[in-house]
Amino acid sequence: MAHPKRKTSKQRRDKRRTHYKATAPTVAICSNCGATVRYHRVCPECGYYKGKLAIEKTVSA
């Protein structure tokens, strides 16, 4: 059985174990207020999802 000649560093080991590529999340435009929203999520600005009110947002002055 073969033995390693040198110790594999933690950084090199962890780099080898990654099987994904970091990408920016896809965003859409809210049909109610026009803010940018991640797909399949409630709008953080107005609380609407698919044209319906999902979360009641309070207006703070």
N, C-alpha and C. Protein backbone atom coordinates (compact mmCIF):
# COMPACT_ATOMS: atom_id res chain seq x y z
N MET A 1 0.84 -1.17 0.00
CA MET A 1 0.00 0.00 0.00
C MET A 1 0.88 1.24 0.00
N ALA A 2 0.49 2.24 -0.82
CA ALA A 2 1.29 3.46 -0.95
C ALA A 2 1.10 4.38 0.25
N HIS A 3 2.17 5.09 0.59
CA HIS A 3 2.13 6.04 1.69
C HIS A 3 2.44 7.42 1.16
N PRO A 4 1.81 8.46 1.72
CA PRO A 4 2.09 9.82 1.24
C PRO A 4 3.51 10.25 1.61
N LYS A 5 4.17 10.93 0.66
CA LYS A 5 5.53 11.40 0.90
C LYS A 5 5.53 12.63 1.81
N ARG A 6 4.48 13.48 1.64
CA ARG A 6 4.34 14.69 2.46
C ARG A 6 2.92 14.82 2.97
N LYS A 7 2.78 15.52 4.08
CA LYS A 7 1.45 15.75 4.65
C LYS A 7 0.66 16.71 3.75
N THR A 8 -0.59 16.37 3.50
CA THR A 8 -1.46 17.25 2.73
C THR A 8 -2.00 18.32 3.67
N SER A 9 -1.84 19.57 3.27
CA SER A 9 -2.28 20.68 4.13
C SER A 9 -3.80 20.73 4.21
N LYS A 10 -4.31 21.36 5.27
CA LYS A 10 -5.76 21.48 5.45
C LYS A 10 -6.39 22.26 4.30
N GLN A 11 -5.71 23.30 3.85
CA GLN A 11 -6.23 24.13 2.77
C GLN A 11 -6.34 23.32 1.47
N ARG A 12 -5.32 22.55 1.15
CA ARG A 12 -5.33 21.74 -0.06
C ARG A 12 -6.40 20.65 0.02
N ARG A 13 -6.52 20.02 1.19
CA ARG A 13 -7.54 18.98 1.41
C ARG A 13 -8.94 19.55 1.23
N ASP A 14 -9.20 20.72 1.84
CA ASP A 14 -10.52 21.33 1.78
C ASP A 14 -10.86 21.82 0.37
N LYS A 15 -9.87 22.29 -0.37
CA LYS A 15 -10.10 22.72 -1.75
C LYS A 15 -10.55 21.54 -2.60
N ARG A 16 -9.96 20.40 -2.36
CA ARG A 16 -10.29 19.20 -3.12
C ARG A 16 -11.71 18.73 -2.83
N ARG A 17 -12.17 18.96 -1.62
CA ARG A 17 -13.48 18.45 -1.20
C ARG A 17 -14.66 19.33 -1.64
N THR A 18 -14.40 20.50 -2.20
CA THR A 18 -15.50 21.35 -2.64
C THR A 18 -16.01 20.88 -3.99
N HIS A 19 -17.33 20.79 -4.10
CA HIS A 19 -17.95 20.36 -5.37
C HIS A 19 -19.03 21.34 -5.77
N TYR A 20 -18.79 22.60 -5.57
CA TYR A 20 -19.76 23.62 -5.95
C TYR A 20 -19.01 24.86 -6.42
N LYS A 21 -19.74 25.72 -7.10
CA LYS A 21 -19.17 27.00 -7.50
C LYS A 21 -20.06 28.08 -6.91
N ALA A 22 -19.47 29.05 -6.26
CA ALA A 22 -20.24 30.13 -5.66
C ALA A 22 -20.82 31.01 -6.76
N THR A 23 -22.14 31.18 -6.74
CA THR A 23 -22.80 32.04 -7.72
C THR A 23 -23.73 32.99 -6.98
N ALA A 24 -23.97 34.11 -7.59
CA ALA A 24 -24.88 35.09 -7.01
C ALA A 24 -26.31 34.58 -7.16
N PRO A 25 -27.19 34.83 -6.16
CA PRO A 25 -28.57 34.36 -6.27
C PRO A 25 -29.32 35.09 -7.38
N THR A 26 -30.24 34.39 -8.02
CA THR A 26 -31.03 34.97 -9.08
C THR A 26 -32.10 35.88 -8.47
N VAL A 27 -32.24 37.06 -9.02
CA VAL A 27 -33.20 38.01 -8.48
C VAL A 27 -34.25 38.35 -9.53
N ALA A 28 -35.44 38.73 -9.05
CA ALA A 28 -36.54 39.15 -9.90
C ALA A 28 -37.01 40.52 -9.41
N ILE A 29 -37.96 41.09 -10.12
CA ILE A 29 -38.53 42.38 -9.72
C ILE A 29 -39.92 42.14 -9.18
N CYS A 30 -40.21 42.71 -8.01
CA CYS A 30 -41.51 42.57 -7.37
C CYS A 30 -42.57 43.21 -8.25
N SER A 31 -43.67 42.49 -8.50
CA SER A 31 -44.74 43.00 -9.35
C SER A 31 -45.56 44.08 -8.63
N ASN A 32 -45.47 44.14 -7.31
CA ASN A 32 -46.26 45.10 -6.54
C ASN A 32 -45.52 46.43 -6.35
N CYS A 33 -44.27 46.37 -5.88
CA CYS A 33 -43.56 47.62 -5.56
C CYS A 33 -42.35 47.88 -6.46
N GLY A 34 -41.88 46.89 -7.19
CA GLY A 34 -40.75 47.08 -8.10
C GLY A 34 -39.39 46.86 -7.47
N ALA A 35 -39.33 46.40 -6.23
CA ALA A 35 -38.05 46.14 -5.57
C ALA A 35 -37.46 44.82 -6.07
N THR A 36 -36.14 44.66 -5.93
CA THR A 36 -35.52 43.40 -6.33
C THR A 36 -35.72 42.37 -5.23
N VAL A 37 -36.14 41.17 -5.65
CA VAL A 37 -36.49 40.09 -4.72
C VAL A 37 -35.86 38.80 -5.23
N ARG A 38 -35.41 37.95 -4.32
CA ARG A 38 -34.94 36.62 -4.72
C ARG A 38 -36.13 35.79 -5.15
N TYR A 39 -35.92 34.89 -6.10
CA TYR A 39 -37.00 34.05 -6.61
C TYR A 39 -37.62 33.21 -5.50
N HIS A 40 -38.92 33.01 -5.56
CA HIS A 40 -39.70 32.15 -4.66
C HIS A 40 -39.64 32.61 -3.21
N ARG A 41 -39.57 33.92 -3.01
CA ARG A 41 -39.54 34.47 -1.66
C ARG A 41 -40.44 35.69 -1.58
N VAL A 42 -40.92 35.96 -0.38
CA VAL A 42 -41.78 37.13 -0.15
C VAL A 42 -40.93 38.39 -0.28
N CYS A 43 -41.52 39.43 -0.86
CA CYS A 43 -40.82 40.70 -1.02
C CYS A 43 -40.55 41.31 0.36
N PRO A 44 -39.30 41.65 0.68
CA PRO A 44 -39.00 42.22 1.99
C PRO A 44 -39.52 43.65 2.15
N GLU A 45 -39.78 44.33 1.04
CA GLU A 45 -40.23 45.72 1.10
C GLU A 45 -41.74 45.83 1.37
N CYS A 46 -42.55 45.08 0.60
CA CYS A 46 -44.00 45.24 0.72
C CYS A 46 -44.71 44.02 1.30
N GLY A 47 -44.07 42.85 1.31
CA GLY A 47 -44.68 41.66 1.90
C GLY A 47 -45.56 40.88 0.94
N TYR A 48 -45.48 41.17 -0.36
CA TYR A 48 -46.31 40.46 -1.33
C TYR A 48 -45.56 39.30 -1.95
N TYR A 49 -46.29 38.26 -2.34
CA TYR A 49 -45.74 37.11 -3.05
C TYR A 49 -46.76 36.64 -4.07
N LYS A 50 -46.37 36.59 -5.33
CA LYS A 50 -47.25 36.22 -6.45
C LYS A 50 -48.52 37.06 -6.49
N GLY A 51 -48.39 38.36 -6.23
CA GLY A 51 -49.52 39.27 -6.32
C GLY A 51 -50.47 39.25 -5.14
N LYS A 52 -50.16 38.49 -4.11
CA LYS A 52 -51.02 38.41 -2.93
C LYS A 52 -50.24 38.83 -1.69
N LEU A 53 -50.94 39.44 -0.74
CA LEU A 53 -50.32 39.85 0.50
C LEU A 53 -49.99 38.62 1.35
N ALA A 54 -48.70 38.43 1.65
CA ALA A 54 -48.28 37.26 2.41
C ALA A 54 -47.94 37.63 3.84
N ILE A 55 -47.30 38.79 4.02
CA ILE A 55 -46.90 39.26 5.35
C ILE A 55 -47.36 40.69 5.50
N GLU A 56 -48.02 40.99 6.61
CA GLU A 56 -48.45 42.35 6.90
C GLU A 56 -47.24 43.17 7.33
N LYS A 57 -46.89 44.19 6.58
CA LYS A 57 -45.76 45.05 6.91
C LYS A 57 -46.25 46.28 7.64
N THR A 58 -45.54 46.66 8.70
CA THR A 58 -45.89 47.88 9.44
C THR A 58 -45.03 49.03 8.96
N VAL A 59 -45.61 50.21 8.87
CA VAL A 59 -44.89 51.39 8.42
C VAL A 59 -44.39 52.12 9.66
N SER A 60 -43.07 52.30 9.75
CA SER A 60 -42.49 53.01 10.89
C SER A 60 -42.06 54.39 10.43
N ALA A 61 -42.31 55.40 11.27
CA ALA A 61 -42.01 56.79 10.90
C ALA A 61 -40.68 57.23 11.46
